[in-house]
N, C-alpha and C. Protein backbone atom coordinates (compact mmCIF):
# COMPACT_ATOMS: atom_id res chain seq x y z
N MET A 1 107.07 -145.32 15.47
CA MET A 1 106.98 -146.34 15.44
C MET A 1 105.12 -146.45 15.07
N ALA A 2 104.50 -146.20 15.98
CA ALA A 2 103.01 -146.90 15.49
C ALA A 2 102.49 -145.89 13.78
N ARG A 3 103.55 -144.68 13.53
CA ARG A 3 102.97 -144.14 12.46
C ARG A 3 103.64 -144.85 10.94
N GLU A 4 104.66 -145.49 11.45
CA GLU A 4 105.34 -146.98 10.49
C GLU A 4 104.23 -147.73 10.33
N PHE A 5 103.85 -148.53 11.30
CA PHE A 5 102.95 -149.69 11.51
C PHE A 5 101.58 -149.02 10.78
N LEU A 6 100.98 -148.07 10.88
CA LEU A 6 99.87 -147.23 10.15
C LEU A 6 100.08 -147.09 8.66
N SER A 7 101.53 -146.92 8.53
CA SER A 7 101.71 -146.46 6.93
C SER A 7 101.85 -148.02 6.37
N ALA A 8 102.36 -148.68 7.01
CA ALA A 8 102.69 -150.28 6.75
C ALA A 8 101.14 -151.00 6.10
N VAL A 9 99.81 -150.59 7.29
CA VAL A 9 98.71 -151.46 6.74
C VAL A 9 98.26 -150.61 6.17
N LEU A 10 97.81 -148.94 5.65
CA LEU A 10 97.53 -148.79 4.75
C LEU A 10 98.10 -148.91 3.18
N ILE A 11 99.48 -149.29 3.21
CA ILE A 11 100.18 -149.57 2.05
C ILE A 11 99.64 -150.89 1.87
N GLY A 12 99.39 -151.87 2.42
CA GLY A 12 99.06 -153.16 2.18
C GLY A 12 97.47 -153.35 1.90
N THR A 13 96.95 -152.24 2.50
CA THR A 13 95.43 -152.34 2.04
C THR A 13 95.23 -151.75 0.35
N ALA A 14 95.78 -150.88 0.42
CA ALA A 14 95.91 -149.96 -1.41
C ALA A 14 96.22 -151.31 -2.48
N PHE A 15 97.12 -152.09 -1.96
CA PHE A 15 97.35 -153.05 -2.54
C PHE A 15 96.43 -154.29 -2.90
N TRP A 16 95.84 -153.99 -2.06
CA TRP A 16 94.58 -155.73 -1.47
C TRP A 16 93.81 -155.40 -2.78
N SER A 17 93.49 -154.50 -3.67
CA SER A 17 92.46 -154.97 -4.80
C SER A 17 93.19 -155.23 -6.12
N SER A 18 94.50 -154.60 -6.29
CA SER A 18 95.32 -154.73 -7.46
C SER A 18 95.42 -156.13 -7.67
N ALA A 19 95.62 -156.65 -6.39
CA ALA A 19 96.22 -158.11 -6.00
C ALA A 19 95.00 -159.16 -6.80
N CYS A 20 93.40 -158.49 -6.56
CA CYS A 20 92.31 -159.21 -7.33
C CYS A 20 92.35 -159.21 -8.85
N ALA A 21 92.88 -157.78 -9.37
CA ALA A 21 92.70 -158.09 -10.76
C ALA A 21 94.49 -158.58 -11.25
N ALA A 22 95.84 -158.35 -10.89
CA ALA A 22 97.06 -158.24 -11.61
C ALA A 22 97.27 -160.34 -11.00
N GLY A 23 96.87 -160.46 -9.91
CA GLY A 23 97.32 -161.96 -9.78
C GLY A 23 98.48 -162.21 -9.21
N VAL A 24 98.85 -162.60 -7.94
CA VAL A 24 99.73 -162.83 -6.89
C VAL A 24 100.81 -163.86 -7.90
N LEU A 25 100.30 -164.77 -8.22
CA LEU A 25 101.26 -165.61 -9.01
C LEU A 25 101.67 -164.96 -10.59
N ASP A 26 101.59 -163.90 -10.55
CA ASP A 26 102.12 -163.46 -11.95
C ASP A 26 103.68 -162.52 -11.40
N VAL A 27 103.76 -162.44 -9.97
CA VAL A 27 104.78 -161.50 -9.89
C VAL A 27 106.08 -162.72 -10.24
N GLY A 28 106.90 -162.10 -11.20
CA GLY A 28 108.07 -162.80 -11.74
C GLY A 28 109.01 -162.88 -10.80
N GLY A 29 110.38 -163.44 -11.62
CA GLY A 29 111.61 -163.47 -10.82
C GLY A 29 111.65 -164.89 -10.53
N GLU A 30 112.98 -165.24 -9.74
CA GLU A 30 113.30 -166.18 -9.50
C GLU A 30 112.89 -166.55 -7.86
N TRP A 31 112.44 -167.72 -7.45
CA TRP A 31 111.91 -168.19 -6.41
C TRP A 31 112.72 -169.50 -5.98
N LEU A 32 113.21 -169.41 -4.86
CA LEU A 32 113.60 -170.83 -4.28
C LEU A 32 113.06 -171.80 -3.68
N ASP A 33 112.57 -173.04 -4.13
CA ASP A 33 111.94 -174.02 -3.03
C ASP A 33 112.84 -174.26 -1.93
N ASP A 34 112.10 -175.24 -1.16
CA ASP A 34 112.82 -175.50 -0.39
C ASP A 34 114.05 -177.25 -0.29
N GLY A 35 114.11 -177.32 -1.85
CA GLY A 35 114.85 -178.13 -2.08
C GLY A 35 116.08 -177.46 -2.97
N GLY A 36 116.08 -175.85 -2.91
CA GLY A 36 117.16 -175.06 -3.23
C GLY A 36 116.84 -174.88 -4.85
N LYS A 37 115.82 -175.78 -5.81
CA LYS A 37 115.77 -175.23 -6.94
C LYS A 37 114.85 -174.33 -7.33
N ALA A 38 115.33 -173.37 -8.70
CA ALA A 38 114.39 -172.35 -8.53
C ALA A 38 112.97 -172.62 -8.98
N VAL A 39 112.12 -171.91 -8.79
CA VAL A 39 110.39 -172.02 -9.54
C VAL A 39 110.09 -170.52 -9.56
N SER A 40 109.13 -170.77 -10.08
CA SER A 40 108.30 -169.20 -10.41
C SER A 40 106.83 -169.45 -9.97
N LEU A 41 106.46 -168.30 -9.41
CA LEU A 41 105.31 -168.45 -8.55
C LEU A 41 104.07 -169.09 -9.44
N SER A 42 104.19 -169.09 -10.53
CA SER A 42 103.07 -168.92 -11.75
C SER A 42 103.08 -170.36 -12.13
N ARG A 43 104.27 -171.35 -11.58
CA ARG A 43 103.91 -172.73 -11.45
C ARG A 43 102.66 -173.01 -10.77
N TRP A 44 101.67 -172.03 -10.13
CA TRP A 44 100.97 -173.09 -9.35
C TRP A 44 99.20 -172.24 -9.92
N GLN A 45 99.90 -171.63 -11.22
CA GLN A 45 98.40 -171.07 -12.08
C GLN A 45 97.92 -172.22 -12.40
N GLY A 46 96.39 -172.15 -12.78
CA GLY A 46 95.74 -173.45 -13.46
C GLY A 46 95.07 -174.26 -12.51
N ARG A 47 95.42 -174.19 -11.18
CA ARG A 47 94.63 -174.94 -9.76
C ARG A 47 94.55 -173.93 -9.08
N TYR A 48 93.86 -174.63 -7.98
CA TYR A 48 93.48 -173.86 -6.92
C TYR A 48 94.69 -174.20 -5.94
N THR A 49 94.89 -173.10 -5.14
CA THR A 49 96.15 -172.67 -4.26
C THR A 49 96.10 -172.11 -3.04
N VAL A 50 96.17 -172.50 -1.84
CA VAL A 50 95.96 -171.86 -0.73
C VAL A 50 97.30 -171.07 -0.47
N LEU A 51 97.83 -170.05 -0.10
CA LEU A 51 98.81 -169.26 -0.14
C LEU A 51 98.83 -168.59 1.16
N THR A 52 100.12 -168.65 2.04
CA THR A 52 100.36 -167.52 3.03
C THR A 52 101.84 -167.27 2.93
N MET A 53 101.96 -165.84 4.15
CA MET A 53 103.57 -165.53 3.90
C MET A 53 103.87 -166.11 5.51
N SER A 54 104.91 -165.99 5.93
CA SER A 54 105.74 -166.72 7.36
C SER A 54 106.91 -166.92 6.88
N THR A 55 107.49 -167.16 8.26
CA THR A 55 108.81 -167.05 8.44
C THR A 55 109.11 -168.29 9.34
N GLY A 56 110.12 -169.33 8.99
CA GLY A 56 110.16 -170.21 9.99
C GLY A 56 111.04 -170.27 11.21
N ALA A 57 111.34 -168.79 11.25
CA ALA A 57 112.07 -168.60 12.65
C ALA A 57 110.58 -168.44 13.62
N CYS A 58 109.57 -167.97 13.13
CA CYS A 58 108.75 -167.31 14.19
C CYS A 58 107.62 -168.79 15.00
N ARG A 59 107.43 -168.84 16.20
CA ARG A 59 106.95 -169.24 17.42
C ARG A 59 105.83 -169.43 17.33
N LYS A 60 105.34 -167.96 17.33
CA LYS A 60 103.84 -167.67 17.53
C LYS A 60 102.69 -167.66 16.51
N ILE A 61 102.53 -166.75 15.86
CA ILE A 61 101.97 -166.25 14.65
C ILE A 61 101.94 -167.57 13.73
N CYS A 62 103.39 -167.59 13.48
CA CYS A 62 103.65 -168.41 12.31
C CYS A 62 102.97 -170.36 12.33
N SER A 63 103.27 -170.09 14.06
CA SER A 63 102.56 -171.62 14.23
C SER A 63 101.08 -171.60 13.95
N THR A 64 100.43 -170.94 14.64
CA THR A 64 99.19 -170.58 14.50
C THR A 64 98.36 -170.57 12.94
N THR A 65 99.38 -169.93 12.20
CA THR A 65 98.96 -170.12 10.70
C THR A 65 99.27 -171.65 10.04
N LEU A 66 100.64 -172.04 10.71
CA LEU A 66 100.64 -173.86 10.05
C LEU A 66 99.36 -174.31 11.15
N ARG A 67 99.10 -174.67 11.42
CA ARG A 67 97.82 -175.04 12.50
C ARG A 67 96.64 -174.69 11.03
N ARG A 68 96.13 -173.30 11.13
CA ARG A 68 95.17 -173.08 10.43
C ARG A 68 95.49 -173.96 9.04
N MET A 69 97.00 -174.33 8.23
CA MET A 69 96.79 -174.66 6.85
C MET A 69 96.95 -176.34 6.87
N GLU A 70 97.19 -176.46 7.79
CA GLU A 70 96.79 -178.24 8.14
C GLU A 70 95.40 -178.21 8.18
N GLU A 71 94.81 -177.61 9.21
CA GLU A 71 93.24 -177.53 9.45
C GLU A 71 92.79 -177.76 7.84
N LEU A 72 92.99 -177.02 7.27
CA LEU A 72 92.80 -176.80 5.75
C LEU A 72 92.78 -177.77 4.81
N GLN A 73 94.13 -178.17 5.31
CA GLN A 73 94.41 -179.55 4.05
C GLN A 73 93.42 -180.53 4.77
N ALA A 74 93.22 -180.55 5.62
CA ALA A 74 92.48 -181.90 6.76
C ALA A 74 90.81 -181.64 5.54
N ILE A 75 90.72 -180.29 6.04
CA ILE A 75 88.93 -180.27 4.93
C ILE A 75 88.89 -180.21 3.19
N ALA A 76 90.32 -179.89 3.22
CA ALA A 76 90.22 -180.23 1.34
C ALA A 76 90.30 -181.76 1.01
N ASP A 77 90.83 -182.71 2.00
CA ASP A 77 90.96 -184.19 1.92
C ASP A 77 89.65 -184.54 2.38
N ARG A 78 88.84 -184.21 3.31
CA ARG A 78 87.48 -184.71 3.63
C ARG A 78 86.89 -184.55 2.10
N HIS A 79 86.74 -183.39 1.28
CA HIS A 79 86.30 -183.02 0.46
C HIS A 79 86.59 -183.45 -1.06
N GLY A 80 87.77 -184.15 -0.73
CA GLY A 80 88.22 -184.61 -2.10
C GLY A 80 89.16 -183.49 -2.94
N LEU A 81 88.95 -182.46 -2.68
CA LEU A 81 89.94 -181.62 -3.24
C LEU A 81 90.96 -181.23 -3.42
N HIS A 82 91.87 -181.34 -4.71
CA HIS A 82 93.30 -181.06 -4.53
C HIS A 82 93.70 -179.94 -4.84
N VAL A 83 94.15 -179.07 -3.66
CA VAL A 83 94.58 -178.03 -3.59
C VAL A 83 96.31 -178.00 -3.32
N ASP A 84 97.00 -176.95 -4.05
CA ASP A 84 98.43 -177.07 -3.48
C ASP A 84 98.43 -175.97 -2.27
N PHE A 85 99.50 -176.09 -1.34
CA PHE A 85 99.70 -175.47 -0.32
C PHE A 85 100.90 -174.64 -0.34
N VAL A 86 100.90 -173.22 -0.42
CA VAL A 86 102.27 -172.23 -0.65
C VAL A 86 102.78 -171.39 0.40
N VAL A 87 103.83 -171.61 1.02
CA VAL A 87 104.34 -170.59 2.04
C VAL A 87 105.51 -169.80 1.74
N ILE A 88 105.50 -169.17 1.62
CA ILE A 88 106.19 -167.82 0.84
C ILE A 88 107.08 -167.34 2.46
N GLY A 89 108.29 -167.29 2.13
CA GLY A 89 109.55 -166.84 3.12
C GLY A 89 108.97 -165.27 3.45
N LEU A 90 108.77 -164.77 4.69
CA LEU A 90 108.71 -163.59 4.46
C LEU A 90 110.07 -162.90 5.04
N ASP A 91 111.50 -163.21 5.05
CA ASP A 91 112.65 -162.84 5.34
C ASP A 91 114.08 -163.83 4.73
N PRO A 92 113.82 -163.17 3.88
CA PRO A 92 115.10 -163.87 2.94
C PRO A 92 116.16 -164.46 3.58
N ARG A 93 116.78 -163.63 4.39
CA ARG A 93 117.93 -163.53 5.12
C ARG A 93 117.69 -164.93 6.07
N ALA A 94 116.75 -165.17 6.42
CA ALA A 94 116.59 -166.42 7.35
C ALA A 94 115.76 -167.95 6.31
N ASP A 95 114.78 -167.19 5.77
CA ASP A 95 114.18 -168.48 5.11
C ASP A 95 114.93 -169.43 4.08
N THR A 96 115.78 -169.39 4.06
CA THR A 96 116.34 -170.47 2.88
C THR A 96 115.69 -171.83 2.70
N PRO A 97 116.54 -172.11 1.60
CA PRO A 97 116.26 -173.28 1.43
C PRO A 97 116.21 -174.27 2.39
N LYS A 98 117.38 -174.50 3.11
CA LYS A 98 117.96 -175.34 4.15
C LYS A 98 117.07 -175.32 5.26
N ALA A 99 116.13 -173.78 5.78
CA ALA A 99 116.08 -173.73 6.73
C ALA A 99 114.21 -174.17 6.65
N TRP A 100 113.69 -174.06 5.35
CA TRP A 100 112.39 -174.19 5.00
C TRP A 100 112.58 -175.96 5.31
N ARG A 101 113.46 -176.47 4.47
CA ARG A 101 113.75 -177.95 4.41
C ARG A 101 113.69 -178.70 6.02
N GLU A 102 114.53 -177.59 6.59
CA GLU A 102 114.55 -178.57 8.36
C GLU A 102 112.99 -178.41 8.48
N TYR A 103 112.35 -177.40 8.37
CA TYR A 103 111.17 -176.62 9.10
C TYR A 103 110.26 -177.80 8.70
N ARG A 104 109.85 -178.04 7.06
CA ARG A 104 109.47 -179.08 6.82
C ARG A 104 109.53 -180.61 7.72
N THR A 105 110.69 -181.27 7.74
CA THR A 105 111.26 -182.09 8.32
C THR A 105 110.69 -182.25 9.72
N GLN A 106 110.64 -181.18 10.89
CA GLN A 106 110.46 -180.88 11.71
C GLN A 106 108.99 -181.30 12.12
N ARG A 107 108.31 -180.67 11.22
CA ARG A 107 106.80 -180.36 11.66
C ARG A 107 106.21 -181.34 10.56
N LYS A 108 106.77 -182.46 10.48
CA LYS A 108 105.94 -183.46 9.60
C LYS A 108 105.70 -183.19 7.94
N LEU A 109 106.05 -182.16 7.55
CA LEU A 109 105.06 -181.71 6.35
C LEU A 109 105.82 -182.04 5.19
N VAL A 110 105.49 -183.57 5.02
CA VAL A 110 106.51 -184.35 3.80
C VAL A 110 105.31 -184.13 2.35
N ARG A 111 104.23 -183.81 2.71
CA ARG A 111 102.81 -184.12 1.33
C ARG A 111 103.38 -183.25 0.02
N GLU A 112 103.46 -184.16 -1.02
CA GLU A 112 103.84 -183.14 -2.29
C GLU A 112 103.46 -182.11 -2.58
N ASN A 113 102.12 -181.84 -2.12
CA ASN A 113 101.39 -180.21 -2.27
C ASN A 113 101.57 -179.51 -1.54
N TRP A 114 102.45 -179.70 -0.58
CA TRP A 114 103.56 -178.44 0.16
C TRP A 114 104.55 -177.84 -0.45
N HIS A 115 104.31 -176.29 -0.38
CA HIS A 115 105.38 -176.51 -1.12
C HIS A 115 106.19 -174.95 -0.24
N PHE A 116 107.49 -174.67 0.09
CA PHE A 116 107.56 -173.71 0.57
C PHE A 116 109.18 -173.29 -0.12
N VAL A 117 108.87 -171.50 -0.19
CA VAL A 117 109.76 -170.58 -1.45
C VAL A 117 109.84 -169.56 -0.49
N SER A 118 111.23 -169.21 -1.22
CA SER A 118 111.62 -167.64 -0.70
C SER A 118 112.21 -167.04 -2.21
N GLY A 119 112.26 -165.89 -1.96
CA GLY A 119 112.39 -164.71 -2.82
C GLY A 119 113.44 -163.56 -2.59
N ALA A 120 114.13 -162.84 -3.12
CA ALA A 120 114.41 -161.71 -3.17
C ALA A 120 113.75 -160.47 -2.38
N GLU A 121 114.06 -159.84 -1.56
CA GLU A 121 113.17 -159.12 -0.30
C GLU A 121 112.42 -157.93 -1.37
N GLU A 122 112.64 -157.89 -2.55
CA GLU A 122 111.80 -156.94 -3.13
C GLU A 122 110.78 -157.73 -3.66
N ARG A 123 111.06 -158.74 -4.06
CA ARG A 123 109.75 -159.71 -4.73
C ARG A 123 108.69 -160.09 -3.15
N THR A 124 109.64 -160.06 -2.34
CA THR A 124 108.62 -160.73 -1.05
C THR A 124 107.77 -159.52 -0.82
N ARG A 125 108.31 -158.37 -0.71
CA ARG A 125 107.82 -157.26 -0.14
C ARG A 125 106.38 -156.81 -0.94
N ARG A 126 106.98 -157.01 -2.47
CA ARG A 126 105.81 -156.85 -3.69
C ARG A 126 104.46 -158.18 -3.36
N VAL A 127 105.12 -159.22 -3.18
CA VAL A 127 103.79 -160.30 -2.90
C VAL A 127 102.94 -160.09 -1.49
N ALA A 128 104.14 -159.72 -0.69
CA ALA A 128 103.19 -159.02 0.70
C ALA A 128 102.25 -157.86 0.56
N GLY A 129 102.58 -156.98 0.04
CA GLY A 129 101.52 -155.46 -0.43
C GLY A 129 100.39 -156.04 -0.74
N MET A 130 100.35 -156.92 -1.96
CA MET A 130 99.95 -157.86 -2.97
C MET A 130 98.65 -158.39 -2.18
N LEU A 131 98.99 -158.86 -0.77
CA LEU A 131 98.27 -159.62 -0.34
C LEU A 131 97.83 -158.65 0.74
N GLY A 132 98.19 -157.68 1.34
CA GLY A 132 97.79 -156.72 2.71
C GLY A 132 98.03 -157.20 3.68
N ILE A 133 99.55 -158.24 3.64
CA ILE A 133 100.05 -158.59 4.52
C ILE A 133 101.61 -157.77 4.93
N SER A 134 101.07 -157.09 5.86
CA SER A 134 102.18 -156.36 6.64
C SER A 134 103.45 -156.64 7.62
N TYR A 135 104.86 -156.45 7.68
CA TYR A 135 105.30 -157.34 8.28
C TYR A 135 106.58 -155.80 8.71
N TRP A 136 107.25 -156.26 9.28
CA TRP A 136 108.36 -155.46 10.29
C TRP A 136 108.92 -155.60 11.04
N PHE A 137 110.53 -155.54 11.61
CA PHE A 137 111.60 -156.16 12.32
C PHE A 137 110.97 -155.00 13.26
N TYR A 138 111.30 -155.95 14.68
CA TYR A 138 111.19 -155.51 16.35
C TYR A 138 112.16 -156.15 16.96
N ASP A 139 113.25 -155.31 17.20
CA ASP A 139 114.57 -155.81 17.29
C ASP A 139 114.91 -157.03 16.58
N GLU A 140 115.10 -158.18 16.74
CA GLU A 140 115.71 -159.22 15.77
C GLU A 140 114.41 -160.09 15.40
N HIS A 141 113.13 -159.53 15.88
CA HIS A 141 112.14 -160.26 15.78
C HIS A 141 111.29 -159.74 14.56
N LEU A 142 111.05 -160.87 13.63
CA LEU A 142 110.16 -160.49 12.64
C LEU A 142 108.47 -160.76 12.98
N LEU A 143 107.91 -159.26 12.82
CA LEU A 143 106.51 -159.79 13.14
C LEU A 143 105.50 -159.55 11.67
N HIS A 144 104.52 -160.29 11.78
CA HIS A 144 103.71 -160.12 10.59
C HIS A 144 102.10 -160.25 10.93
N ASP A 145 101.38 -159.85 9.89
CA ASP A 145 99.78 -160.12 9.97
C ASP A 145 99.78 -161.41 9.62
N PHE A 146 98.98 -161.93 10.11
CA PHE A 146 98.16 -163.49 9.95
C PHE A 146 96.98 -163.44 8.38
N LYS A 147 97.36 -164.21 7.46
CA LYS A 147 96.48 -164.00 6.42
C LYS A 147 96.68 -165.04 5.76
N ILE A 148 95.90 -165.86 4.92
CA ILE A 148 95.79 -166.83 4.26
C ILE A 148 94.97 -166.94 3.31
N VAL A 149 95.21 -166.98 1.92
CA VAL A 149 94.21 -166.56 0.96
C VAL A 149 93.97 -167.79 0.01
N LEU A 150 93.08 -167.96 -0.59
CA LEU A 150 92.72 -169.33 -1.23
C LEU A 150 92.97 -168.59 -3.11
N ILE A 151 93.59 -168.75 -4.10
CA ILE A 151 93.81 -168.11 -5.12
C ILE A 151 93.30 -169.40 -6.61
N ALA A 152 92.44 -169.08 -7.35
CA ALA A 152 91.69 -169.52 -7.84
C ALA A 152 92.51 -169.99 -8.92
N PRO A 153 92.22 -170.95 -10.12
CA PRO A 153 93.31 -171.27 -10.85
C PRO A 153 93.34 -169.95 -12.15
N ASP A 154 92.90 -168.91 -12.35
CA ASP A 154 92.77 -168.02 -12.54
C ASP A 154 93.60 -166.80 -12.06
N GLY A 155 93.97 -167.51 -11.28
CA GLY A 155 95.29 -166.29 -10.57
C GLY A 155 94.78 -165.23 -9.92
N THR A 156 93.53 -165.33 -9.13
CA THR A 156 92.47 -164.62 -9.06
C THR A 156 92.51 -165.14 -7.38
N ILE A 157 92.48 -164.14 -6.49
CA ILE A 157 92.25 -164.18 -4.89
C ILE A 157 90.63 -164.39 -4.78
N ARG A 158 90.50 -165.65 -4.42
CA ARG A 158 89.00 -166.03 -4.00
C ARG A 158 88.25 -166.15 -2.82
N ARG A 159 88.77 -165.94 -1.96
CA ARG A 159 88.71 -165.97 -0.10
C ARG A 159 89.93 -165.78 0.60
N ALA A 160 89.72 -164.96 1.56
CA ALA A 160 91.08 -164.52 2.80
C ALA A 160 90.56 -165.16 4.11
N LEU A 161 91.10 -165.81 4.68
CA LEU A 161 91.07 -166.19 6.13
C LEU A 161 92.07 -164.85 6.90
N ALA A 162 91.49 -163.55 7.30
CA ALA A 162 92.74 -162.36 7.71
C ALA A 162 92.23 -162.37 9.59
N TRP A 163 92.20 -163.41 9.92
CA TRP A 163 92.16 -163.51 11.50
C TRP A 163 92.20 -164.83 12.12
N ALA A 164 93.35 -164.92 12.89
CA ALA A 164 93.60 -166.77 13.80
C ALA A 164 92.21 -167.38 13.92
N ASP A 165 91.08 -166.77 14.26
CA ASP A 165 89.91 -167.23 14.45
C ASP A 165 88.61 -167.27 13.39
N ASP A 166 89.33 -167.16 12.50
CA ASP A 166 88.02 -167.14 11.38
C ASP A 166 87.85 -168.69 10.90
N ARG A 167 86.82 -168.95 10.66
CA ARG A 167 86.45 -170.42 10.29
C ARG A 167 87.16 -170.99 9.12
N PRO A 168 88.30 -172.04 9.23
CA PRO A 168 88.86 -172.39 7.45
C PRO A 168 88.07 -172.43 7.12
N GLU A 169 86.88 -173.31 7.20
CA GLU A 169 85.84 -173.87 6.46
C GLU A 169 85.47 -173.05 5.33
N VAL A 170 85.29 -172.05 5.52
CA VAL A 170 84.66 -170.89 4.64
C VAL A 170 85.95 -170.91 3.34
N LEU A 171 87.31 -170.87 3.59
CA LEU A 171 87.75 -170.61 2.82
C LEU A 171 87.25 -171.84 0.78
N PHE A 172 87.17 -172.88 1.82
CA PHE A 172 86.61 -173.63 0.40
C PHE A 172 84.65 -173.53 -0.08
N SER A 173 84.27 -172.95 0.67
CA SER A 173 82.86 -172.78 0.67
C SER A 173 82.58 -172.68 -0.66
N GLU A 174 82.72 -172.07 -1.61
CA GLU A 174 82.41 -172.03 -3.00
C GLU A 174 83.12 -173.27 -3.86
N LEU A 175 83.65 -174.21 -3.51
CA LEU A 175 84.46 -175.05 -4.17
C LEU A 175 83.37 -176.32 -3.92
N ARG A 176 82.58 -176.66 -3.33
CA ARG A 176 81.87 -177.55 -3.14
C ARG A 176 80.65 -178.01 -4.01
């Protein structure tokens, strides 16, 4: 188990530098939004996007991720920044459009700049690897790293919050 975890971390780290060059938003294929509509990640190119990966079934780390994303929205609002927030589901079997829709409703995430998407397992793993997010199943639970990234209009990753206690305002520091 420890060897598998270390392997996943090393693989995620190796892909981190390629994400900056290749652009996470260039990962093709069909993704479904929380309304069940097909979308492409390239839809968010040309603007600043805060992106993370999560699962609606998670009750601990993902709650922290969501709170941090809400803090980032408040910071962007205070500074008059228009930023899209994209959450990619880590578990395509559980993070269905219907499940994401219910998640949004329960948490009152109704703003139009918030987007929840799911894709096929292969594309999901590819994006997670590019972002350096390791995830694995432990029994029936999906465990994963905490990471939120700011993607610039050119598709490159500008900044990242990699720890739940990172100060959220640093994500937007170069935009002011």
